[in-house]
N, C-alpha and C. Protein backbone atom coordinates (compact mmCIF):
# COMPACT_ATOMS: atom_id res chain seq x y z
N UNK A 1 -7.83 10.69 -17.12
CA UNK A 1 -6.54 10.95 -17.46
C UNK A 1 -5.99 10.02 -18.16
N UNK A 2 -5.41 9.70 -19.41
CA UNK A 2 -4.59 8.57 -19.93
C UNK A 2 -3.50 7.82 -19.29
N UNK A 3 -3.50 6.66 -19.08
CA UNK A 3 -2.47 5.89 -18.57
C UNK A 3 -1.35 6.93 -18.22
N UNK A 4 -0.56 6.53 -17.36
CA UNK A 4 0.33 7.01 -16.89
C UNK A 4 1.74 6.35 -17.30
N UNK A 5 3.03 7.07 -18.13
CA UNK A 5 3.54 5.65 -19.25
C UNK A 5 4.65 5.08 -17.72
N UNK A 6 5.08 4.13 -17.73
CA UNK A 6 6.56 3.78 -17.03
C UNK A 6 7.46 4.81 -17.24
N UNK A 7 7.87 4.99 -17.85
CA UNK A 7 8.87 5.72 -18.35
C UNK A 7 8.76 7.23 -17.79
N UNK A 8 7.72 7.23 -17.27
CA UNK A 8 7.62 8.88 -16.34
C UNK A 8 8.01 8.00 -14.92
N UNK A 9 7.68 7.41 -14.37
CA UNK A 9 7.91 6.82 -13.28
C UNK A 9 9.64 6.70 -12.80
N UNK A 10 9.88 6.05 -14.13
CA UNK A 10 11.46 5.84 -13.69
C UNK A 10 12.26 7.34 -13.75
N UNK A 11 12.07 8.08 -14.55
CA UNK A 11 12.58 9.30 -14.40
C UNK A 11 12.12 9.97 -13.43
N UNK A 12 11.76 10.29 -12.15
CA UNK A 12 11.67 10.87 -11.40
C UNK A 12 11.73 10.08 -10.14
N UNK A 13 12.34 9.04 -9.78
CA UNK A 13 12.19 8.30 -8.80
C UNK A 13 13.81 7.33 -8.58
N UNK A 14 14.14 6.98 -7.37
CA UNK A 14 15.39 6.18 -7.88
C UNK A 14 15.25 5.18 -6.75
N UNK A 15 15.97 4.12 -6.81
CA UNK A 15 15.63 2.91 -6.22
C UNK A 15 16.37 2.72 -4.65
N UNK A 16 14.97 2.23 -3.87
CA UNK A 16 15.45 2.27 -2.51
C UNK A 16 15.24 0.72 -1.98
N UNK A 17 15.68 0.32 -0.72
CA UNK A 17 15.60 -0.45 -0.02
C UNK A 17 14.84 -0.21 1.20
N UNK A 18 13.43 -0.47 1.45
CA UNK A 18 12.99 0.37 2.95
C UNK A 18 13.97 -0.49 4.01
N UNK A 19 14.12 0.16 4.64
CA UNK A 19 14.92 -0.27 6.27
C UNK A 19 14.16 -1.34 6.26
N UNK A 20 13.09 -1.67 6.84
CA UNK A 20 12.36 -2.59 7.62
C UNK A 20 12.34 -3.91 6.30
N UNK A 21 12.08 -3.75 4.98
CA UNK A 21 12.18 -4.61 4.21
C UNK A 21 13.13 -4.30 3.29
N UNK A 22 14.32 -5.14 3.27
CA UNK A 22 15.45 -5.15 2.32
C UNK A 22 15.03 -5.96 1.19
N UNK A 23 14.04 -7.21 1.57
CA UNK A 23 13.99 -7.68 0.27
C UNK A 23 13.34 -6.93 -0.88
N UNK A 24 12.63 -5.92 -1.04
CA UNK A 24 11.97 -5.34 -1.98
C UNK A 24 12.87 -4.02 -2.42
N UNK A 25 13.12 -3.64 -3.80
CA UNK A 25 13.57 -2.45 -4.08
C UNK A 25 12.33 -1.58 -4.30
N UNK A 26 12.40 -0.29 -4.25
CA UNK A 26 11.26 0.43 -4.68
C UNK A 26 11.79 1.37 -5.21
N UNK A 27 10.83 2.34 -6.27
CA UNK A 27 11.07 3.47 -6.91
C UNK A 27 10.42 4.68 -5.79
N UNK A 28 11.40 5.19 -5.38
CA UNK A 28 11.09 6.26 -4.44
C UNK A 28 11.49 7.37 -5.12
N UNK A 29 10.52 8.76 -4.75
CA UNK A 29 10.88 10.11 -5.07
C UNK A 29 12.40 10.91 -4.06
N UNK A 30 12.93 11.26 -5.22
CA UNK A 30 14.32 11.62 -4.09
C UNK A 30 13.88 13.03 -3.79
N UNK A 31 12.94 13.59 -4.63
CA UNK A 31 12.44 14.93 -4.51
C UNK A 31 11.40 15.28 -4.73
N UNK A 32 10.23 15.27 -3.34
CA UNK A 32 8.87 15.12 -3.29
C UNK A 32 8.35 16.34 -4.44
N UNK A 33 8.34 17.64 -3.95
CA UNK A 33 8.41 18.58 -4.87
C UNK A 33 8.60 18.90 -6.10
N UNK A 34 9.90 18.39 -6.25
CA UNK A 34 10.05 17.99 -7.93
C UNK A 34 9.40 17.27 -8.55
N UNK A 35 8.98 15.89 -7.73
CA UNK A 35 7.99 15.10 -8.29
C UNK A 35 6.44 15.34 -8.49
N UNK A 36 5.81 16.10 -7.74
CA UNK A 36 4.63 16.83 -7.70
C UNK A 36 4.59 18.02 -9.05
N UNK A 37 5.82 18.67 -9.10
CA UNK A 37 5.77 19.54 -10.44
C UNK A 37 5.31 18.93 -11.30
N UNK A 38 6.25 17.31 -11.69
CA UNK A 38 6.43 16.78 -12.87
C UNK A 38 4.98 16.22 -13.09
N UNK A 39 4.45 15.74 -12.21
CA UNK A 39 3.45 14.88 -12.28
C UNK A 39 1.90 16.34 -12.84
N UNK A 40 2.00 17.14 -12.17
CA UNK A 40 1.14 18.52 -12.51
C UNK A 40 1.31 18.79 -14.18
N UNK A 41 2.59 18.78 -14.65
CA UNK A 41 2.81 19.39 -16.13
C UNK A 41 2.44 17.84 -16.50
N UNK A 42 2.65 16.90 -16.21
CA UNK A 42 2.11 15.33 -17.24
C UNK A 42 0.57 15.46 -17.18
N UNK A 43 -0.27 15.99 -16.55
CA UNK A 43 -1.32 15.65 -16.55
C UNK A 43 -1.78 16.99 -16.80
N UNK A 44 -1.05 18.28 -17.07
CA UNK A 44 -1.57 19.41 -17.92
C UNK A 44 -2.63 19.95 -16.77
N UNK A 45 -2.32 20.07 -15.68
CA UNK A 45 -3.70 20.59 -14.39
C UNK A 45 -2.53 21.09 -13.26
N UNK A 46 -3.16 21.36 -12.23
CA UNK A 46 -2.42 22.09 -11.42
C UNK A 46 -3.01 20.99 -9.77
N UNK A 47 -3.88 20.29 -9.88
CA UNK A 47 -4.83 19.51 -8.94
C UNK A 47 -4.61 18.69 -8.62
N UNK A 48 -3.78 17.69 -9.39
CA UNK A 48 -3.19 16.70 -9.04
C UNK A 48 -2.83 16.06 -6.97
N UNK A 49 -3.09 15.40 -6.92
CA UNK A 49 -2.74 15.12 -5.36
C UNK A 49 -1.78 14.64 -5.36
N UNK A 50 -1.48 14.10 -4.14
CA UNK A 50 0.67 14.73 -3.27
C UNK A 50 0.75 13.10 -3.88
N UNK A 51 2.15 12.53 -4.24
CA UNK A 51 2.73 11.40 -4.91
C UNK A 51 2.90 10.74 -3.39
N UNK A 52 1.27 10.42 -3.27
CA UNK A 52 1.26 9.36 -1.77
C UNK A 52 2.04 7.84 -2.42
N UNK A 53 2.26 7.81 -3.76
CA UNK A 53 2.67 6.34 -3.92
C UNK A 53 4.10 6.47 -4.50
N UNK A 54 5.11 7.73 -4.03
CA UNK A 54 6.33 7.66 -4.44
C UNK A 54 6.96 7.53 -2.43
N UNK A 55 6.57 6.81 -2.06
CA UNK A 55 7.27 6.78 -1.14
C UNK A 55 6.92 5.49 -0.06
N UNK A 56 7.69 4.71 1.23
CA UNK A 56 7.64 3.53 1.32
C UNK A 56 7.01 4.25 2.57
N UNK A 57 5.58 4.26 3.07
CA UNK A 57 4.96 4.52 4.58
C UNK A 57 4.93 3.32 5.53
N UNK A 58 5.04 4.08 6.65
CA UNK A 58 5.24 3.02 8.04
C UNK A 58 4.05 1.79 7.92
N UNK A 59 3.13 2.31 7.90
CA UNK A 59 2.14 1.11 7.53
C UNK A 59 2.06 0.33 6.66
N UNK A 60 2.94 0.56 5.31
CA UNK A 60 2.93 -0.56 4.71
C UNK A 60 4.29 -1.40 4.66
N UNK A 61 5.57 -0.27 5.25
CA UNK A 61 6.26 -1.37 5.45
C UNK A 61 5.90 -2.83 6.50
N UNK A 62 5.45 -2.37 7.52
CA UNK A 62 4.93 -3.12 8.88
C UNK A 62 4.07 -4.48 8.28
N UNK A 63 3.26 -3.77 7.51
CA UNK A 63 2.61 -5.04 6.94
C UNK A 63 3.33 -5.93 5.98
N UNK A 64 4.37 -5.56 5.18
CA UNK A 64 5.18 -6.22 4.20
C UNK A 64 6.17 -7.15 4.98
N UNK A 65 6.71 -6.46 5.88
CA UNK A 65 7.29 -7.47 7.09
C UNK A 65 6.60 -8.49 7.13
N UNK A 66 5.76 -8.45 8.72
CA UNK A 66 4.76 -9.14 8.31
C UNK A 66 4.64 -10.44 7.74
N UNK A 67 4.07 -9.73 6.59
CA UNK A 67 3.84 -11.01 5.41
C UNK A 67 4.86 -11.71 5.25
N UNK A 68 6.10 -11.32 4.96
CA UNK A 68 7.48 -11.99 4.44
C UNK A 68 7.76 -13.16 6.12
N UNK A 69 7.36 -12.32 6.90
CA UNK A 69 7.79 -13.67 8.55
C UNK A 69 6.71 -14.20 8.93
N UNK A 70 5.46 -14.10 7.94
CA UNK A 70 4.26 -15.39 8.37
C UNK A 70 3.62 -15.63 6.86
N UNK A 71 4.65 -16.02 6.31
CA UNK A 71 3.58 -16.50 4.81
C UNK A 71 3.08 -17.48 5.04
N UNK A 72 2.76 -18.20 5.96
CA UNK A 72 1.24 -18.98 5.85
C UNK A 72 0.14 -18.55 5.59
N UNK A 73 0.63 -17.20 6.36
CA UNK A 73 -0.73 -16.27 6.09
C UNK A 73 -1.40 -15.90 4.58
N UNK A 74 -0.49 -15.77 3.85
CA UNK A 74 -1.00 -15.97 2.26
C UNK A 74 -0.40 -16.29 1.27
N UNK A 75 0.25 -17.56 1.99
CA UNK A 75 0.75 -18.52 0.73
C UNK A 75 -0.35 -19.41 0.03
N UNK A 76 -0.39 -19.30 -1.94
CA UNK A 76 -1.90 -20.06 -2.22
C UNK A 76 -2.62 -18.69 -2.16
N UNK A 77 -2.85 -17.80 -1.96
CA UNK A 77 -3.97 -16.82 -1.63
C UNK A 77 -4.14 -15.77 -2.42
N UNK A 78 -5.20 -15.91 -2.49
CA UNK A 78 -5.70 -13.97 -3.15
C UNK A 78 -5.79 -13.57 -2.29
N UNK A 79 -4.80 -12.09 -2.72
CA UNK A 79 -5.31 -11.08 -1.70
C UNK A 79 -5.67 -9.52 -2.37
N UNK A 80 -6.00 -8.56 -1.23
CA UNK A 80 -6.67 -7.29 -1.87
C UNK A 80 -5.80 -6.10 -1.24
N UNK A 81 -4.66 -5.27 -2.03
CA UNK A 81 -3.82 -4.41 -1.00
C UNK A 81 -4.45 -2.92 -1.18
N UNK A 82 -5.31 -2.91 -0.18
CA UNK A 82 -6.15 -1.08 -0.41
C UNK A 82 -5.25 -0.15 -0.16
N UNK A 83 -5.46 0.98 -1.09
CA UNK A 83 -4.27 1.86 -1.19
C UNK A 83 -3.02 1.61 -1.22
N UNK A 84 -2.90 0.97 -2.30
CA UNK A 84 -1.69 0.13 -2.79
C UNK A 84 -0.32 0.79 -2.88
N UNK A 85 -0.38 2.04 -3.39
CA UNK A 85 0.29 3.00 -3.36
C UNK A 85 2.00 3.00 -4.27
N UNK A 86 3.08 2.19 -3.77
CA UNK A 86 4.19 1.81 -4.97
C UNK A 86 4.09 0.65 -4.70
N UNK A 87 2.78 0.09 -4.15
CA UNK A 87 3.34 -1.81 -4.21
C UNK A 87 3.67 -2.33 -3.49
N UNK A 88 4.15 -1.58 -2.27
CA UNK A 88 5.07 -2.49 -1.92
C UNK A 88 4.62 -4.01 -0.99
N UNK A 89 3.32 -3.85 -0.88
CA UNK A 89 2.51 -4.94 0.58
C UNK A 89 2.48 -5.66 -1.15
N UNK A 90 2.07 -5.22 -2.06
CA UNK A 90 1.77 -6.12 -2.81
C UNK A 90 2.66 -6.96 -3.52
N UNK A 91 3.50 -6.38 -3.71
CA UNK A 91 5.01 -7.34 -3.48
C UNK A 91 5.55 -8.17 -2.79
N UNK A 92 5.48 -7.54 -1.45
CA UNK A 92 5.92 -8.31 -0.60
C UNK A 92 4.79 -9.89 -0.48
N UNK A 93 3.42 -9.51 -1.03
CA UNK A 93 2.34 -10.74 -0.23
C UNK A 93 2.84 -11.86 -1.74
N UNK A 94 3.23 -11.72 -3.01
CA UNK A 94 3.97 -12.54 -4.02
C UNK A 94 5.07 -12.59 -3.83
N UNK A 95 6.21 -12.36 -3.14
CA UNK A 95 7.08 -12.52 -2.66
C UNK A 95 7.10 -13.63 -1.59
N UNK A 96 5.95 -13.23 -0.29
CA UNK A 96 5.47 -14.61 0.29
C UNK A 96 4.69 -15.43 0.07
N UNK A 97 4.51 -15.45 -1.20
CA UNK A 97 3.26 -16.75 -1.67
C UNK A 97 2.06 -16.39 -2.23
N UNK A 98 1.76 -15.63 -2.36
CA UNK A 98 0.21 -15.36 -2.76
C UNK A 98 0.00 -15.55 -3.83
N UNK A 99 -0.92 -16.30 -4.65
CA UNK A 99 -1.70 -16.63 -6.04
C UNK A 99 -2.04 -15.28 -6.95
N UNK A 100 -2.06 -14.57 -6.22
CA UNK A 100 -2.48 -13.58 -6.89
C UNK A 100 -3.10 -12.13 -5.98
N UNK A 101 -2.29 -10.60 -6.76
CA UNK A 101 -2.72 -9.58 -5.67
C UNK A 101 -3.46 -8.66 -6.23
N UNK A 102 -4.38 -8.60 -5.94
CA UNK A 102 -5.61 -7.10 -6.65
C UNK A 102 -4.65 -5.32 -5.23
N UNK A 103 -4.01 -5.06 -6.50
CA UNK A 103 -3.74 -3.66 -6.03
C UNK A 103 -4.48 -2.84 -6.32
N UNK A 104 -5.29 -2.19 -5.39
CA UNK A 104 -6.40 -0.70 -5.22
C UNK A 104 -5.47 0.42 -5.07
N UNK A 105 -5.66 1.48 -6.09
CA UNK A 105 -5.13 2.79 -5.63
C UNK A 105 -6.23 3.57 -6.21
N UNK A 106 -6.74 4.75 -5.87
CA UNK A 106 -7.24 5.89 -6.75
C UNK A 106 -6.43 6.68 -7.48
N UNK A 107 -5.06 6.76 -7.34
CA UNK A 107 -4.32 7.89 -8.38
C UNK A 107 -3.88 6.61 -9.29
N UNK A 108 -3.77 7.34 -10.52
CA UNK A 108 -3.26 6.88 -11.80
C UNK A 108 -1.75 6.34 -12.05
N UNK A 109 -0.89 7.35 -11.12
CA UNK A 109 0.30 7.05 -11.20
C UNK A 109 0.82 6.57 -9.98
N UNK A 110 -0.12 6.13 -9.18
CA UNK A 110 0.33 4.83 -8.29
C UNK A 110 0.00 3.54 -8.81
N UNK A 111 -1.42 3.49 -9.86
CA UNK A 111 -1.07 2.04 -10.88
C UNK A 111 -0.33 1.91 -11.88
N UNK A 112 0.72 2.97 -11.99
CA UNK A 112 1.97 2.20 -13.50
C UNK A 112 3.12 2.30 -12.42
N UNK A 113 3.48 2.59 -11.12
CA UNK A 113 4.34 2.86 -10.23
C UNK A 113 3.86 1.39 -9.40
N UNK A 114 2.69 0.53 -9.41
CA UNK A 114 2.60 -0.89 -8.83
C UNK A 114 3.36 -1.60 -10.23
N UNK A 115 3.06 -1.35 -11.35
CA UNK A 115 3.60 -1.83 -12.18
C UNK A 115 4.90 -2.31 -12.86
N UNK A 116 5.17 -0.79 -12.19
CA UNK A 116 7.05 -0.98 -12.62
C UNK A 116 7.48 -1.40 -11.47
N UNK A 117 7.03 -1.21 -10.40
CA UNK A 117 7.71 -2.07 -8.93
C UNK A 117 7.55 -3.43 -8.89
N UNK A 118 6.39 -3.77 -9.35
CA UNK A 118 6.52 -5.28 -9.22
C UNK A 118 7.28 -6.22 -10.31
N UNK A 119 7.89 -5.45 -11.92
CA UNK A 119 8.78 -6.25 -12.65
C UNK A 119 9.67 -5.78 -12.46
N UNK A 120 10.24 -4.65 -11.43
CA UNK A 120 11.40 -4.58 -11.10
C UNK A 120 11.84 -5.86 -9.90
N UNK A 121 10.85 -6.59 -9.09
CA UNK A 121 11.13 -7.42 -8.04
C UNK A 121 10.49 -8.55 -9.02
N UNK A 122 10.30 -8.52 -9.77
CA UNK A 122 10.11 -10.10 -10.50
C UNK A 122 8.75 -10.85 -9.94
N UNK A 123 7.65 -9.61 -9.44
CA UNK A 123 6.76 -10.32 -8.52
C UNK A 123 5.18 -10.13 -9.87
N UNK A 124 5.36 -11.47 -10.38
CA UNK A 124 4.38 -11.48 -11.51
C UNK A 124 2.42 -12.23 -10.37
N UNK A 125 1.39 -11.75 -11.03
CA UNK A 125 0.61 -11.93 -10.52
C UNK A 125 -0.21 -10.66 -9.73
N UNK A 126 0.50 -9.52 -9.99
CA UNK A 126 -0.22 -8.23 -9.24
C UNK A 126 -0.81 -7.89 -10.01
N UNK A 127 -2.64 -7.60 -10.24
CA UNK A 127 -3.20 -6.74 -10.89
C UNK A 127 -3.71 -4.99 -10.59
N UNK A 128 -3.21 -4.30 -10.87
CA UNK A 128 -3.12 -2.94 -10.33
C UNK A 128 -4.91 -2.44 -11.06
N UNK A 129 -5.62 -1.73 -9.79
CA UNK A 129 -6.79 -2.03 -9.86
C UNK A 129 -7.66 -0.31 -9.25
N UNK A 130 -8.03 0.41 -9.84
CA UNK A 130 -8.64 1.23 -9.42
C UNK A 130 -9.32 1.57 -7.81
N UNK A 131 -10.43 2.33 -7.51
CA UNK A 131 -11.44 2.48 -6.44
C UNK A 131 -11.92 1.27 -6.09
N UNK A 132 -12.27 0.46 -5.10
CA UNK A 132 -12.75 -0.62 -5.05
C UNK A 132 -14.31 -0.32 -3.78
N UNK A 133 -13.57 0.65 -3.16
CA UNK A 133 -14.58 1.11 -2.25
C UNK A 133 -16.44 1.27 -2.12
N UNK A 134 -16.61 1.29 -3.64
CA UNK A 134 -17.99 1.52 -3.51
C UNK A 134 -18.63 0.28 -4.00
N UNK A 135 -17.83 -0.33 -4.17
CA UNK A 135 -18.62 -1.74 -4.47
C UNK A 135 -18.47 -2.72 -3.38
N UNK A 136 -18.56 -4.13 -3.41
CA UNK A 136 -18.93 -5.26 -2.75
C UNK A 136 -17.41 -5.36 -3.01
N UNK A 137 -16.92 -6.27 -1.44
CA UNK A 137 -15.24 -6.12 -1.67
C UNK A 137 -15.42 -7.73 -2.64
N UNK A 138 -14.35 -7.79 -3.28
CA UNK A 138 -14.00 -8.84 -4.06
C UNK A 138 -13.56 -10.51 -3.34
N UNK A 139 -13.45 -11.12 -3.85
CA UNK A 139 -13.55 -12.47 -3.12
C UNK A 139 -12.24 -12.76 -3.37
N UNK A 140 -11.51 -11.87 -2.16
CA UNK A 140 -10.07 -12.93 -1.76
C UNK A 140 -9.73 -13.56 -0.27
N UNK A 141 -9.26 -14.05 0.09
CA UNK A 141 -9.17 -14.47 0.85
C UNK A 141 -8.45 -13.74 2.59
N UNK A 142 -7.34 -12.42 1.45
CA UNK A 142 -7.07 -11.54 2.77
C UNK A 142 -6.68 -10.48 2.25
N UNK A 143 -7.37 -9.04 2.90
CA UNK A 143 -7.11 -8.05 2.93
C UNK A 143 -6.38 -7.59 3.55
N UNK A 144 -5.18 -6.39 2.76
CA UNK A 144 -4.31 -5.98 3.50
C UNK A 144 -4.37 -4.42 3.45
N UNK A 145 -3.89 -3.31 4.11
CA UNK A 145 -4.33 -1.77 4.46
C UNK A 145 -3.40 -1.30 4.70
N UNK A 146 -2.46 -0.49 4.53
CA UNK A 146 -1.47 0.34 5.22
C UNK A 146 -1.57 1.61 4.72
N UNK A 147 -1.86 2.27 6.13
CA UNK A 147 -1.52 3.77 5.89
C UNK A 147 -2.92 4.27 5.98
N UNK A 148 -4.07 3.87 5.68
CA UNK A 148 -5.28 4.18 5.09
C UNK A 148 -6.33 5.02 6.11
N UNK A 149 -5.95 4.75 7.59
CA UNK A 149 -7.01 6.05 8.36
C UNK A 149 -6.08 7.44 8.51
N UNK A 150 -5.39 7.93 7.67
CA UNK A 150 -5.04 9.17 7.71
C UNK A 150 -5.98 10.49 7.91
N UNK A 151 -6.95 10.34 7.56
CA UNK A 151 -8.05 11.53 8.14
C UNK A 151 -9.35 10.93 8.06
N UNK A 152 -10.63 11.61 9.12
CA UNK A 152 -11.87 11.39 8.79
C UNK A 152 -12.60 10.69 8.05
N UNK A 153 -12.38 11.16 6.92
CA UNK A 153 -12.86 11.25 5.70
C UNK A 153 -12.70 9.90 5.28
N UNK A 154 -11.91 9.48 4.98
CA UNK A 154 -10.91 8.04 4.51
C UNK A 154 -11.37 6.84 5.43
N UNK A 155 -11.53 7.19 6.93
CA UNK A 155 -11.85 6.43 7.73
C UNK A 155 -12.53 5.48 7.59
N UNK A 156 -14.17 6.57 7.29
CA UNK A 156 -15.11 6.45 7.16
C UNK A 156 -15.71 5.78 6.27
N UNK A 157 -14.76 5.91 4.98
CA UNK A 157 -14.96 4.93 4.05
C UNK A 157 -14.37 3.73 3.78
N UNK A 158 -13.56 3.54 4.35
CA UNK A 158 -12.20 2.33 4.28
C UNK A 158 -13.44 1.12 5.45
N UNK A 159 -13.76 1.38 6.32
CA UNK A 159 -13.81 0.71 7.96
C UNK A 159 -14.95 -0.26 7.57
N UNK A 160 -15.86 0.37 7.14
CA UNK A 160 -17.19 -0.32 6.48
C UNK A 160 -17.01 -1.57 5.50
N UNK A 161 -16.21 -1.06 4.55
CA UNK A 161 -15.41 -1.91 3.25
C UNK A 161 -14.77 -3.12 3.83
N UNK A 162 -13.96 -2.94 4.96
CA UNK A 162 -12.96 -3.62 5.51
C UNK A 162 -13.93 -4.63 6.54
N UNK A 163 -14.94 -4.42 7.21
CA UNK A 163 -16.20 -5.07 7.98
C UNK A 163 -16.56 -5.63 7.01
N UNK A 164 -16.92 -5.21 6.13
CA UNK A 164 -17.68 -6.09 4.67
C UNK A 164 -16.99 -7.29 4.33
N UNK A 165 -15.86 -6.98 4.27
CA UNK A 165 -14.79 -8.26 3.36
C UNK A 165 -14.69 -9.12 4.75
N UNK A 166 -14.23 -8.88 5.73
CA UNK A 166 -14.25 -9.66 7.40
C UNK A 166 -15.65 -10.42 7.45
N UNK A 167 -16.70 -9.72 7.26
CA UNK A 167 -18.24 -10.63 7.40
C UNK A 167 -18.47 -11.76 5.96
N UNK A 168 -17.53 -11.50 5.01
CA UNK A 168 -17.75 -12.32 4.00
C UNK A 168 -16.28 -13.53 3.74
N UNK A 169 -15.61 -13.09 4.84
CA UNK A 169 -14.77 -14.78 5.30
C UNK A 169 -13.19 -14.05 5.06
N UNK A 170 -12.72 -12.55 4.78
CA UNK A 170 -11.56 -12.31 4.51
C UNK A 170 -11.16 -12.22 5.88
N UNK A 171 -9.98 -12.40 5.64
CA UNK A 171 -9.07 -11.69 7.35
C UNK A 171 -8.59 -10.86 6.84
N UNK A 172 -8.48 -9.73 7.31
CA UNK A 172 -8.02 -8.10 7.40
C UNK A 172 -6.98 -7.79 8.40
N UNK A 173 -5.57 -7.29 7.68
CA UNK A 173 -5.15 -6.64 8.43
C UNK A 173 -4.56 -5.54 7.95
N UNK A 174 -4.53 -4.49 8.87
CA UNK A 174 -4.32 -3.17 8.81
C UNK A 174 -3.01 -2.42 9.23
N UNK A 175 -1.68 -2.14 8.78
CA UNK A 175 -0.89 -1.43 9.44
C UNK A 175 -0.80 0.05 9.63
N UNK A 176 -0.63 0.11 10.75
CA UNK A 176 -0.94 1.91 11.28
C UNK A 176 0.31 2.22 11.85
N UNK A 177 0.68 3.95 11.89
CA UNK A 177 1.72 4.03 12.84
C UNK A 177 1.04 5.00 13.69
N UNK A 178 0.16 4.70 14.31
CA UNK A 178 -0.43 5.20 15.62
C UNK A 178 -1.25 6.64 14.98
N UNK A 179 -2.07 6.66 13.50
CA UNK A 179 -2.89 7.53 13.47
C UNK A 179 -3.91 7.95 14.49
N UNK A 180 -4.78 9.32 14.37
CA UNK A 180 -5.75 9.23 15.65
C UNK A 180 -7.25 8.76 14.95
N UNK A 181 -7.34 8.32 14.08
CA UNK A 181 -8.38 8.30 13.72
C UNK A 181 -8.36 6.50 13.46
N UNK A 182 -7.47 6.09 13.54
CA UNK A 182 -7.97 4.61 13.78
C UNK A 182 -8.28 4.19 15.19
N UNK A 183 -9.64 3.06 14.44
CA UNK A 183 -10.18 2.59 15.80
C UNK A 183 -9.63 1.64 16.70
N UNK A 184 -9.11 1.81 17.39
CA UNK A 184 -8.26 0.39 18.29
C UNK A 184 -8.60 -0.05 19.22
N UNK A 185 -9.93 0.39 19.43
CA UNK A 185 -10.91 -0.77 20.34
C UNK A 185 -11.67 -1.20 19.39
N UNK A 186 -11.77 -1.20 17.98
CA UNK A 186 -12.62 -2.27 17.31
C UNK A 186 -11.15 -3.60 16.43
N UNK A 187 -10.00 -3.01 17.23
CA UNK A 187 -9.05 -4.35 16.22
C UNK A 187 -7.87 -4.86 17.45
N UNK A 188 -7.29 -5.80 16.86
CA UNK A 188 -6.39 -6.49 17.62
C UNK A 188 -5.19 -6.77 17.05
N UNK A 189 -4.03 -6.09 17.91
CA UNK A 189 -3.05 -6.07 17.65
C UNK A 189 -2.21 -7.53 17.45
N UNK A 190 -1.48 -7.65 16.63
CA UNK A 190 -0.63 -8.48 16.11
C UNK A 190 0.83 -8.55 15.82
N UNK A 191 1.55 -7.47 15.58
CA UNK A 191 3.24 -7.28 15.85
C UNK A 191 3.14 -5.86 15.88
N UNK A 192 4.39 -5.35 15.99
CA UNK A 192 4.71 -3.99 16.14
C UNK A 192 6.16 -3.83 15.59
N UNK A 193 6.27 -2.85 14.94
CA UNK A 193 7.89 -2.72 14.46
C UNK A 193 8.26 -0.71 14.59
N UNK A 194 9.03 -0.51 15.11
CA UNK A 194 9.93 0.37 14.78
C UNK A 194 10.09 1.08 13.59
N UNK A 195 9.66 1.83 12.38
CA UNK A 195 9.46 2.24 11.44
C UNK A 195 10.26 3.70 11.43
N UNK A 196 11.47 4.58 10.52
CA UNK A 196 11.71 5.32 10.33
C UNK A 196 10.38 6.47 9.35
N UNK A 197 10.22 6.84 10.06
CA UNK A 197 9.02 8.27 9.49
C UNK A 197 9.75 8.78 7.89
N UNK A 198 8.59 8.63 7.26
CA UNK A 198 8.84 9.12 5.62
C UNK A 198 8.72 10.35 5.78
N UNK A 199 8.14 11.12 6.68
CA UNK A 199 8.14 12.62 6.63
C UNK A 199 9.35 12.92 7.45
N UNK A 200 10.38 12.58 8.03
CA UNK A 200 11.26 12.82 9.03
C UNK A 200 12.08 12.30 9.94
N UNK A 201 12.72 12.65 10.21
CA UNK A 201 14.14 11.86 10.91
C UNK A 201 13.40 11.07 12.11
N UNK A 202 12.13 11.06 12.69
CA UNK A 202 11.88 10.51 13.69
C UNK A 202 11.26 8.90 13.48
N UNK A 203 11.27 8.33 14.21
CA UNK A 203 11.02 6.70 13.99
C UNK A 203 9.80 6.55 14.96
N UNK A 204 8.63 5.72 14.46
CA UNK A 204 7.07 5.36 14.09
C UNK A 204 6.81 3.86 14.69
N UNK A 205 6.56 3.89 16.46
CA UNK A 205 5.92 2.58 16.64
C UNK A 205 4.88 2.29 15.63
N UNK A 206 5.14 1.55 14.99
CA UNK A 206 3.94 1.10 13.77
C UNK A 206 3.47 -0.60 13.94
N UNK A 207 2.02 -0.47 14.01
CA UNK A 207 1.61 -1.96 14.19
C UNK A 207 1.08 -2.85 12.91
N UNK A 208 0.76 -4.00 13.37
CA UNK A 208 -0.12 -4.59 12.22
C UNK A 208 -1.59 -4.87 13.13
N UNK A 209 -2.29 -4.65 12.68
CA UNK A 209 -3.58 -4.99 13.25
C UNK A 209 -4.11 -6.14 12.72
N UNK A 210 -5.30 -6.45 12.97
CA UNK A 210 -6.13 -7.79 11.96
C UNK A 210 -7.73 -7.14 13.07
N UNK A 211 -8.93 -7.37 12.00
CA UNK A 211 -10.00 -7.07 12.52
C UNK A 211 -10.86 -8.63 12.74
N UNK A 212 -10.94 -8.64 14.12
CA UNK A 212 -11.40 -9.60 14.48
C UNK A 212 -13.02 -10.13 14.17
């Protein structure tokens, strides 16, 4: 589909500072159903995916917080944000001193939202890119992935890619709020946060993991 105009993102969202990461201001859906309907109209079809990009997911918030609190992990480095969504983690990486960020997402709405949110936060050096899972991991020092193990199929695609990135020397960080498909036995926890769930009033214990 053609590139999504920035005006669409601005017209159907509202500015919010995520509770765990108040340093960043994101454009978030005020009404997910209304946004989804507007996306279908924009695309001219009814098979569009849900607007995952229009929420500050717990795994992304945890990763963003961790990067801002541990700037030495990212300062001066090239980063890949896998499943970037709104661009929250990519923006946090730049604010923490990253020299550049590849923000990957399969949704063209997300790619525009990443650009809009980066501009909103004065975060330069973020490059939105599409699906990277089909090829070799790019030459970056750090790969971050928030809420990517939400179903079996996605986990099966993401984990081999993350393992390949680790084998090439990149550090890998995963933010996850306890999803059942996350292979915790293959990871090491670095930090945990209580994050208000985007899908309801509950608070979810969300962990930042590394791939040893």
